[in-house]
PDB file of N, CA and C in Angstrom:
ATOM      1  N   MET A   1       0.827  -1.189   0.000  1.00  0.00           N
ATOM      2  CA  MET A   1       0.000   0.000   0.000  1.00  0.00           C
ATOM      3  C   MET A   1       0.870   1.251   0.000  1.00  0.00           C
ATOM      4  N   ALA A   2       0.350   2.258  -0.628  1.00  0.00           N
ATOM      5  CA  ALA A   2       1.074   3.526  -0.673  1.00  0.00           C
ATOM      6  C   ALA A   2       0.806   4.313   0.603  1.00  0.00           C
ATOM      7  N   LYS A   3       1.824   4.966   1.094  1.00  0.00           N
ATOM      8  CA  LYS A   3       1.665   5.781   2.297  1.00  0.00           C
ATOM      9  C   LYS A   3       0.999   7.099   1.924  1.00  0.00           C
ATOM     10  N   LYS A   4       0.094   7.560   2.816  1.00  0.00           N
ATOM     11  CA  LYS A   4      -0.543   8.846   2.592  1.00  0.00           C
ATOM     12  C   LYS A   4       0.410   9.945   3.036  1.00  0.00           C
ATOM     13  N   LYS A   5       0.475  10.946   2.230  1.00  0.00           N
ATOM     14  CA  LYS A   5       1.343  12.061   2.539  1.00  0.00           C
ATOM     15  C   LYS A   5       0.530  13.117   3.289  1.00  0.00           C
ATOM     16  N   ILE A   6       1.037  13.552   4.425  1.00  0.00           N
ATOM     17  CA  ILE A   6       0.354  14.568   5.212  1.00  0.00           C
ATOM     18  C   ILE A   6       0.809  15.929   4.715  1.00  0.00           C
ATOM     19  N   ALA A   7      -0.195  16.730   4.326  1.00  0.00           N
ATOM     20  CA  ALA A   7       0.117  18.057   3.793  1.00  0.00           C
ATOM     21  C   ALA A   7       0.551  18.975   4.931  1.00  0.00           C
ATOM     22  N   LYS A   8       1.551  19.777   4.661  1.00  0.00           N
ATOM     23  CA  LYS A   8       2.023  20.743   5.642  1.00  0.00           C
ATOM     24  C   LYS A   8       2.037  22.116   5.004  1.00  0.00           C
ATOM     25  N   LYS A   9       1.638  23.087   5.792  1.00  0.00           N
ATOM     26  CA  LYS A   9       1.706  24.463   5.343  1.00  0.00           C
ATOM     27  C   LYS A   9       2.781  25.162   6.153  1.00  0.00           C
ATOM     28  N   THR A  10       3.454  26.083   5.541  1.00  0.00           N
ATOM     29  CA  THR A  10       4.480  26.847   6.241  1.00  0.00           C
ATOM     30  C   THR A  10       3.945  28.237   6.512  1.00  0.00           C
ATOM     31  N   VAL A  11       3.982  28.605   7.762  1.00  0.00           N
ATOM     32  CA  VAL A  11       3.510  29.912   8.179  1.00  0.00           C
ATOM     33  C   VAL A  11       4.704  30.685   8.702  1.00  0.00           C
ATOM     34  N   SER A  12       4.937  31.859   8.154  1.00  0.00           N
ATOM     35  CA  SER A  12       6.069  32.646   8.641  1.00  0.00           C
ATOM     36  C   SER A  12       5.552  33.778   9.520  1.00  0.00           C
ATOM     37  N   LYS A  13       6.182  33.916  10.655  1.00  0.00           N
ATOM     38  CA  LYS A  13       5.808  34.963  11.590  1.00  0.00           C
ATOM     39  C   LYS A  13       7.087  35.662  12.028  1.00  0.00           C
ATOM     40  N   LYS A  14       7.242  36.877  11.593  1.00  0.00           N
ATOM     41  CA  LYS A  14       8.426  37.666  11.910  1.00  0.00           C
ATOM     42  C   LYS A  14       9.710  36.961  11.487  1.00  0.00           C
ATOM     43  N   GLY A  15       9.691  36.389  10.295  1.00  0.00           N
ATOM     44  CA  GLY A  15      10.892  35.770   9.764  1.00  0.00           C
ATOM     45  C   GLY A  15      11.141  34.351  10.230  1.00  0.00           C
ATOM     46  N   VAL A  16      10.292  33.800  11.099  1.00  0.00           N
ATOM     47  CA  VAL A  16      10.468  32.441  11.599  1.00  0.00           C
ATOM     48  C   VAL A  16       9.473  31.546  10.877  1.00  0.00           C
ATOM     49  N   SER A  17       9.961  30.499  10.246  1.00  0.00           N
ATOM     50  CA  SER A  17       9.084  29.566   9.545  1.00  0.00           C
ATOM     51  C   SER A  17       8.652  28.458  10.496  1.00  0.00           C
ATOM     52  N   VAL A  18       7.350  28.214  10.530  1.00  0.00           N
ATOM     53  CA  VAL A  18       6.792  27.182  11.394  1.00  0.00           C
ATOM     54  C   VAL A  18       5.958  26.260  10.529  1.00  0.00           C
ATOM     55  N   GLY A  19       6.181  24.953  10.617  1.00  0.00           N
ATOM     56  CA  GLY A  19       5.392  23.986   9.872  1.00  0.00           C
ATOM     57  C   GLY A  19       4.118  23.662  10.624  1.00  0.00           C
ATOM     58  N   VAL A  20       2.974  23.767   9.976  1.00  0.00           N
ATOM     59  CA  VAL A  20       1.687  23.475  10.590  1.00  0.00           C
ATOM     60  C   VAL A  20       1.144  22.209   9.957  1.00  0.00           C
ATOM     61  N   ASN A  21       0.820  21.233  10.765  1.00  0.00           N
ATOM     62  CA  ASN A  21       0.293  19.978  10.263  1.00  0.00           C
ATOM     63  C   ASN A  21      -1.195  20.164   9.984  1.00  0.00           C
ATOM     64  N   VAL A  22      -1.580  20.091   8.723  1.00  0.00           N
ATOM     65  CA  VAL A  22      -2.964  20.332   8.323  1.00  0.00           C
ATOM     66  C   VAL A  22      -3.886  19.263   8.905  1.00  0.00           C
ATOM     67  N   LYS A  23      -3.421  18.048   9.022  1.00  0.00           N
ATOM     68  CA  LYS A  23      -4.239  16.966   9.553  1.00  0.00           C
ATOM     69  C   LYS A  23      -4.609  17.242  11.004  1.00  0.00           C
ATOM     70  N   ASN A  24      -3.671  17.755  11.804  1.00  0.00           N
ATOM     71  CA  ASN A  24      -3.966  18.063  13.198  1.00  0.00           C
ATOM     72  C   ASN A  24      -4.961  19.205  13.328  1.00  0.00           C
ATOM     73  N   VAL A  25      -4.867  20.194  12.457  1.00  0.00           N
ATOM     74  CA  VAL A  25      -5.800  21.310  12.490  1.00  0.00           C
ATOM     75  C   VAL A  25      -7.207  20.829  12.157  1.00  0.00           C
ATOM     76  N   ALA A  26      -7.337  19.978  11.151  1.00  0.00           N
ATOM     77  CA  ALA A  26      -8.645  19.458  10.763  1.00  0.00           C
ATOM     78  C   ALA A  26      -9.233  18.585  11.865  1.00  0.00           C
ATOM     79  N   SER A  27      -8.402  17.782  12.515  1.00  0.00           N
ATOM     80  CA  SER A  27      -8.927  16.916  13.571  1.00  0.00           C
ATOM     81  C   SER A  27      -9.319  17.717  14.797  1.00  0.00           C
ATOM     82  N   SER A  28      -8.617  18.827  15.079  1.00  0.00           N
ATOM     83  CA  SER A  28      -8.998  19.645  16.224  1.00  0.00           C
ATOM     84  C   SER A  28     -10.318  20.356  15.967  1.00  0.00           C
ATOM     85  N   LYS A  29     -10.561  20.775  14.708  1.00  0.00           N
ATOM     86  CA  LYS A  29     -11.845  21.383  14.373  1.00  0.00           C
ATOM     87  C   LYS A  29     -12.970  20.367  14.500  1.00  0.00           C
ATOM     88  N   ALA A  30     -12.720  19.142  14.095  1.00  0.00           N
ATOM     89  CA  ALA A  30     -13.738  18.094  14.203  1.00  0.00           C
ATOM     90  C   ALA A  30     -14.038  17.788  15.663  1.00  0.00           C
ATOM     91  N   SER A  31     -13.019  17.781  16.518  1.00  0.00           N
ATOM     92  CA  SER A  31     -13.254  17.484  17.925  1.00  0.00           C
ATOM     93  C   SER A  31     -14.014  18.610  18.604  1.00  0.00           C
ATOM     94  N   ILE A  32     -13.757  19.851  18.198  1.00  0.00           N
ATOM     95  CA  ILE A  32     -14.511  20.981  18.753  1.00  0.00           C
ATOM     96  C   ILE A  32     -15.966  20.882  18.323  1.00  0.00           C
ATOM     97  N   LYS A  33     -16.208  20.511  17.074  1.00  0.00           N
ATOM     98  CA  LYS A  33     -17.573  20.393  16.576  1.00  0.00           C
ATOM     99  C   LYS A  33     -18.328  19.272  17.287  1.00  0.00           C
ATOM    100  N   GLN A  34     -17.635  18.214  17.671  1.00  0.00           N
ATOM    101  CA  GLN A  34     -18.281  17.124  18.387  1.00  0.00           C
ATOM    102  C   GLN A  34     -18.619  17.539  19.811  1.00  0.00           C
ATOM    103  N   GLN A  35     -17.789  18.354  20.439  1.00  0.00           N
ATOM    104  CA  GLN A  35     -18.021  18.775  21.805  1.00  0.00           C
ATOM    105  C   GLN A  35     -19.114  19.833  21.896  1.00  0.00           C
ATOM    106  N   TYR A  36     -19.213  20.693  20.913  1.00  0.00           N
ATOM    107  CA  TYR A  36     -20.117  21.834  20.949  1.00  0.00           C
ATOM    108  C   TYR A  36     -21.387  21.502  20.182  1.00  0.00           C
ATOM    109  N   LYS A  37     -22.495  21.331  20.875  1.00  0.00           N
ATOM    110  CA  LYS A  37     -23.760  21.013  20.223  1.00  0.00           C
ATOM    111  C   LYS A  37     -24.679  22.219  20.303  1.00  0.00           C
ATOM    112  N   VAL A  38     -25.342  22.511  19.203  1.00  0.00           N
ATOM    113  CA  VAL A  38     -26.237  23.660  19.116  1.00  0.00           C
ATOM    114  C   VAL A  38     -27.665  23.152  19.062  1.00  0.00           C
ATOM    115  N   ALA A  39     -28.516  23.736  19.891  1.00  0.00           N
ATOM    116  CA  ALA A  39     -29.926  23.349  19.912  1.00  0.00           C
ATOM    117  C   ALA A  39     -30.639  23.957  18.710  1.00  0.00           C
ATOM    118  N   PRO A  40     -31.523  23.217  18.079  1.00  0.00           N
ATOM    119  CA  PRO A  40     -32.279  23.790  16.967  1.00  0.00           C
ATOM    120  C   PRO A  40     -33.331  24.770  17.501  1.00  0.00           C
ATOM    121  N   LEU A  41     -33.382  25.958  16.934  1.00  0.00           N
ATOM    122  CA  LEU A  41     -34.361  26.968  17.342  1.00  0.00           C
ATOM    123  C   LEU A  41     -35.401  27.112  16.241  1.00  0.00           C
ATOM    124  N   SER A  42     -36.603  27.459  16.641  1.00  0.00           N
ATOM    125  CA  SER A  42     -37.689  27.579  15.666  1.00  0.00           C
ATOM    126  C   SER A  42     -37.557  28.866  14.859  1.00  0.00           C
ATOM    127  N   ASN A  43     -38.298  28.925  13.770  1.00  0.00           N
ATOM    128  CA  ASN A  43     -38.280  30.118  12.915  1.00  0.00           C
ATOM    129  C   ASN A  43     -38.912  31.309  13.620  1.00  0.00           C
ATOM    130  N   SER A  44     -39.884  31.052  14.485  1.00  0.00           N
ATOM    131  CA  SER A  44     -40.529  32.150  15.200  1.00  0.00           C
ATOM    132  C   SER A  44     -39.560  32.839  16.159  1.00  0.00           C
ATOM    133  N   PHE A  45     -38.563  32.116  16.659  1.00  0.00           N
ATOM    134  CA  PHE A  45     -37.545  32.718  17.526  1.00  0.00           C
ATOM    135  C   PHE A  45     -36.790  33.813  16.773  1.00  0.00           C
ATOM    136  N   ALA A  46     -36.424  33.547  15.518  1.00  0.00           N
ATOM    137  CA  ALA A  46     -35.720  34.534  14.698  1.00  0.00           C
ATOM    138  C   ALA A  46     -36.629  35.712  14.361  1.00  0.00           C
ATOM    139  N   ILE A  47     -37.887  35.435  14.057  1.00  0.00           N
ATOM    140  CA  ILE A  47     -38.829  36.504  13.715  1.00  0.00           C
ATOM    141  C   ILE A  47     -39.072  37.407  14.918  1.00  0.00           C
ATOM    142  N   ILE A  48     -39.237  36.817  16.100  1.00  0.00           N
ATOM    143  CA  ILE A  48     -39.444  37.610  17.318  1.00  0.00           C
ATOM    144  C   ILE A  48     -38.225  38.481  17.591  1.00  0.00           C
ATOM    145  N   SER A  49     -37.024  37.941  17.369  1.00  0.00           N
ATOM    146  CA  SER A  49     -35.828  38.747  17.612  1.00  0.00           C
ATOM    147  C   SER A  49     -35.735  39.923  16.641  1.00  0.00           C
ATOM    148  N   ILE A  50     -36.101  39.718  15.381  1.00  0.00           N
ATOM    149  CA  ILE A  50     -36.060  40.806  14.393  1.00  0.00           C
ATOM    150  C   ILE A  50     -37.091  41.882  14.737  1.00  0.00           C
ATOM    151  N   VAL A  51     -38.300  41.462  15.074  1.00  0.00           N
ATOM    152  CA  VAL A  51     -39.341  42.422  15.455  1.00  0.00           C
ATOM    153  C   VAL A  51     -38.928  43.159  16.730  1.00  0.00           C
ATOM    154  N   GLY A  52     -38.324  42.445  17.674  1.00  0.00           N
ATOM    155  CA  GLY A  52     -37.855  43.070  18.906  1.00  0.00           C
ATOM    156  C   GLY A  52     -36.770  44.100  18.663  1.00  0.00           C
ATOM    157  N   ILE A  53     -35.883  43.833  17.713  1.00  0.00           N
ATOM    158  CA  ILE A  53     -34.841  44.810  17.372  1.00  0.00           C
ATOM    159  C   ILE A  53     -35.468  46.082  16.802  1.00  0.00           C
ATOM    160  N   ILE A  54     -36.462  45.918  15.948  1.00  0.00           N
ATOM    161  CA  ILE A  54     -37.123  47.084  15.345  1.00  0.00           C
ATOM    162  C   ILE A  54     -37.849  47.891  16.414  1.00  0.00           C
ATOM    163  N   ILE A  55     -38.590  47.232  17.290  1.00  0.00           N
ATOM    164  CA  ILE A  55     -39.315  47.935  18.360  1.00  0.00           C
ATOM    165  C   ILE A  55     -38.331  48.605  19.314  1.00  0.00           C
ATOM    166  N   SER A  56     -37.230  47.936  19.629  1.00  0.00           N
ATOM    167  CA  SER A  56     -36.227  48.517  20.529  1.00  0.00           C
ATOM    168  C   SER A  56     -35.586  49.756  19.917  1.00  0.00           C
ATOM    169  N   ALA A  57     -35.416  49.755  18.605  1.00  0.00           N
ATOM    170  CA  ALA A  57     -34.845  50.929  17.947  1.00  0.00           C
ATOM    171  C   ALA A  57     -35.753  52.148  18.123  1.00  0.00           C
ATOM    172  N   PHE A  58     -37.066  51.948  18.070  1.00  0.00           N
ATOM    173  CA  PHE A  58     -37.991  53.054  18.320  1.00  0.00           C
ATOM    174  C   PHE A  58     -38.041  53.417  19.806  1.00  0.00           C
ATOM    175  N   LEU A  59     -37.844  52.446  20.676  1.00  0.00           N
ATOM    176  CA  LEU A  59     -37.897  52.682  22.114  1.00  0.00           C
ATOM    177  C   LEU A  59     -36.687  53.466  22.608  1.00  0.00           C
ATOM    178  N   ILE A  60     -35.581  53.415  21.882  1.00  0.00           N
ATOM    179  CA  ILE A  60     -34.377  54.149  22.290  1.00  0.00           C
ATOM    180  C   ILE A  60     -34.635  55.651  22.325  1.00  0.00           C
ATOM    181  N   SER A  61     -35.463  56.156  21.424  1.00  0.00           N
ATOM    182  CA  SER A  61     -35.738  57.599  21.394  1.00  0.00           C
ATOM    183  C   SER A  61     -36.528  58.053  22.620  1.00  0.00           C
ATOM    184  N   ARG A  62     -37.380  57.187  23.167  1.00  0.00           N
ATOM    185  CA  ARG A  62     -38.178  57.551  24.340  1.00  0.00           C
ATOM    186  C   ARG A  62     -37.422  57.340  25.644  1.00  0.00           C
ATOM    187  N   SER A  63     -36.805  56.184  25.774  1.00  0.00           N
ATOM    188  CA  SER A  63     -36.062  55.850  26.989  1.00  0.00           C
ATOM    189  C   SER A  63     -34.774  55.142  26.577  1.00  0.00           C
ATOM    190  N   PRO A  64     -33.679  55.880  26.540  1.00  0.00           N
ATOM    191  CA  PRO A  64     -32.432  55.291  26.025  1.00  0.00           C
ATOM    192  C   PRO A  64     -31.942  54.076  26.812  1.00  0.00           C
ATOM    193  N   SER A  65     -32.071  54.083  28.115  1.00  0.00           N
ATOM    194  CA  SER A  65     -31.540  52.955  28.894  1.00  0.00           C
ATOM    195  C   SER A  65     -32.361  51.684  28.661  1.00  0.00           C
ATOM    196  N   TRP A  66     -33.702  51.795  28.676  1.00  0.00           N
ATOM    197  CA  TRP A  66     -34.541  50.618  28.425  1.00  0.00           C
ATOM    198  C   TRP A  66     -34.417  50.155  26.978  1.00  0.00           C
ATOM    199  N   GLY A  67     -34.377  51.106  26.059  1.00  0.00           N
ATOM    200  CA  GLY A  67     -34.257  50.760  24.651  1.00  0.00           C
ATOM    201  C   GLY A  67     -32.963  50.026  24.353  1.00  0.00           C
ATOM    202  N   PHE A  68     -31.858  50.501  24.943  1.00  0.00           N
ATOM    203  CA  PHE A  68     -30.582  49.840  24.724  1.00  0.00           C
ATOM    204  C   PHE A  68     -30.567  48.450  25.355  1.00  0.00           C
ATOM    205  N   ALA A  69     -31.151  48.322  26.546  1.00  0.00           N
ATOM    206  CA  ALA A  69     -31.186  47.014  27.220  1.00  0.00           C
ATOM    207  C   ALA A  69     -31.964  45.986  26.386  1.00  0.00           C
ATOM    208  N   PHE A  70     -33.142  46.383  25.900  1.00  0.00           N
ATOM    209  CA  PHE A  70     -33.924  45.473  25.071  1.00  0.00           C
ATOM    210  C   PHE A  70     -33.227  45.190  23.740  1.00  0.00           C
ATOM    211  N   LEU A  71     -32.555  46.205  23.194  1.00  0.00           N
ATOM    212  CA  LEU A  71     -31.826  46.014  21.942  1.00  0.00           C
ATOM    213  C   LEU A  71     -30.726  44.973  22.104  1.00  0.00           C
ATOM    214  N   VAL A  72     -30.007  45.022  23.211  1.00  0.00           N
ATOM    215  CA  VAL A  72     -28.946  44.037  23.466  1.00  0.00           C
ATOM    216  C   VAL A  72     -29.539  42.629  23.561  1.00  0.00           C
ATOM    217  N   VAL A  73     -30.646  42.490  24.266  1.00  0.00           N
ATOM    218  CA  VAL A  73     -31.282  41.173  24.430  1.00  0.00           C
ATOM    219  C   VAL A  73     -31.734  40.613  23.078  1.00  0.00           C
ATOM    220  N   PHE A  74     -32.378  41.436  22.276  1.00  0.00           N
ATOM    221  CA  PHE A  74     -32.886  40.947  20.992  1.00  0.00           C
ATOM    222  C   PHE A  74     -31.758  40.691  19.986  1.00  0.00           C
ATOM    223  N   VAL A  75     -30.679  41.441  20.066  1.00  0.00           N
ATOM    224  CA  VAL A  75     -29.535  41.169  19.193  1.00  0.00           C
ATOM    225  C   VAL A  75     -28.894  39.838  19.569  1.00  0.00           C
ATOM    226  N   ILE A  76     -28.788  39.564  20.861  1.00  0.00           N
ATOM    227  CA  ILE A  76     -28.255  38.262  21.306  1.00  0.00           C
ATOM    228  C   ILE A  76     -29.165  37.127  20.834  1.00  0.00           C
ATOM    229  N   MET A  77     -30.480  37.344  20.903  1.00  0.00           N
ATOM    230  CA  MET A  77     -31.415  36.333  20.395  1.00  0.00           C
ATOM    231  C   MET A  77     -31.209  36.107  18.899  1.00  0.00           C
ATOM    232  N   PHE A  78     -31.010  37.187  18.142  1.00  0.00           N
ATOM    233  CA  PHE A  78     -30.822  37.070  16.698  1.00  0.00           C
ATOM    234  C   PHE A  78     -29.533  36.328  16.375  1.00  0.00           C
ATOM    235  N   ILE A  79     -28.467  36.627  17.104  1.00  0.00           N
ATOM    236  CA  ILE A  79     -27.197  35.925  16.892  1.00  0.00           C
ATOM    237  C   ILE A  79     -27.350  34.440  17.208  1.00  0.00           C
ATOM    238  N   ALA A  80     -28.095  34.132  18.280  1.00  0.00           N
ATOM    239  CA  ALA A  80     -28.333  32.724  18.623  1.00  0.00           C
ATOM    240  C   ALA A  80     -29.119  32.016  17.521  1.00  0.00           C
ATOM    241  N   SER A  81     -30.081  32.691  16.912  1.00  0.00           N
ATOM    242  CA  SER A  81     -30.847  32.066  15.833  1.00  0.00           C
ATOM    243  C   SER A  81     -29.973  31.841  14.597  1.00  0.00           C
ATOM    244  N   LEU A  82     -29.051  32.776  14.315  1.00  0.00           N
ATOM    245  CA  LEU A  82     -28.139  32.580  13.188  1.00  0.00           C
ATOM    246  C   LEU A  82     -27.193  31.412  13.441  1.00  0.00           C
ATOM    247  N   ARG A  83     -26.675  31.288  14.667  1.00  0.00           N
ATOM    248  CA  ARG A  83     -25.797  30.161  15.017  1.00  0.00           C
ATOM    249  C   ARG A  83     -26.553  28.839  14.907  1.00  0.00           C
ATOM    250  N   SER A  84     -27.822  28.867  15.289  1.00  0.00           N
ATOM    251  CA  SER A  84     -28.622  27.655  15.199  1.00  0.00           C
ATOM    252  C   SER A  84     -28.841  27.249  13.746  1.00  0.00           C
ATOM    253  N   MET A  85     -29.025  28.238  12.878  1.00  0.00           N
ATOM    254  CA  MET A  85     -29.203  27.932  11.459  1.00  0.00           C
ATOM    255  C   MET A  85     -27.922  27.365  10.848  1.00  0.00           C
ATOM    256  N   ARG A  86     -26.775  27.878  11.285  1.00  0.00           N
ATOM    257  CA  ARG A  86     -25.507  27.477  10.691  1.00  0.00           C
ATOM    258  C   ARG A  86     -25.001  26.154  11.251  1.00  0.00           C
ATOM    259  N   TYR A  87     -25.040  25.994  12.570  1.00  0.00           N
ATOM    260  CA  TYR A  87     -24.406  24.839  13.202  1.00  0.00           C
ATOM    261  C   TYR A  87     -25.391  23.817  13.775  1.00  0.00           C
ATOM    262  N   GLY A  88     -26.660  24.075  13.689  1.00  0.00           N
ATOM    263  CA  GLY A  88     -27.650  23.163  14.243  1.00  0.00           C
ATOM    264  C   GLY A  88     -27.774  21.886  13.445  1.00  0.00           C
ATOM    265  N   PRO A  89     -28.354  20.854  14.066  1.00  0.00           N
ATOM    266  CA  PRO A  89     -28.515  19.587  13.355  1.00  0.00           C
ATOM    267  C   PRO A  89     -29.534  19.707  12.217  1.00  0.00           C
ATOM    268  N   ILE A  90     -29.324  18.939  11.189  1.00  0.00           N
ATOM    269  CA  ILE A  90     -30.217  18.953  10.044  1.00  0.00           C
ATOM    270  C   ILE A  90     -31.329  17.930  10.303  1.00  0.00           C
ATOM    271  N   GLY A  91     -32.539  18.326  10.079  1.00  0.00           N
ATOM    272  CA  GLY A  91     -33.662  17.422  10.287  1.00  0.00           C
ATOM    273  C   GLY A  91     -34.846  18.135  10.893  1.00  0.00           C
ATOM    274  N   ARG A  92     -35.840  17.362  11.229  1.00  0.00           N
ATOM    275  CA  ARG A  92     -37.059  17.926  11.793  1.00  0.00           C
ATOM    276  C   ARG A  92     -36.879  18.204  13.264  1.00  0.00           C
ATOM    277  N   ILE A  93     -37.596  19.211  13.742  1.00  0.00           N
ATOM    278  CA  ILE A  93     -37.552  19.562  15.162  1.00  0.00           C
ATOM    279  C   ILE A  93     -38.520  18.686  15.934  1.00  0.00           C
TER     280      ILE A  93
END
């Protein structure tokens, strides 16, 4: 059998060449993906976060502290829905 050749990339940092094993980088990404599980979120969660961001934007003009607080919460909800779409399991909920 032929031996598999492991690809290496050379990264230079301030004139120092360092060999990076591509196989180790790929396996570390796979192990992180196995450890980190994302819960599937419904479509209404994303819609509520978008509507909440719009309402919070109008609320900032009336009460800046409450408007900003709600804006932060709804932005975090929106980011969570995007992460769920990208990294969540494929299939039915």
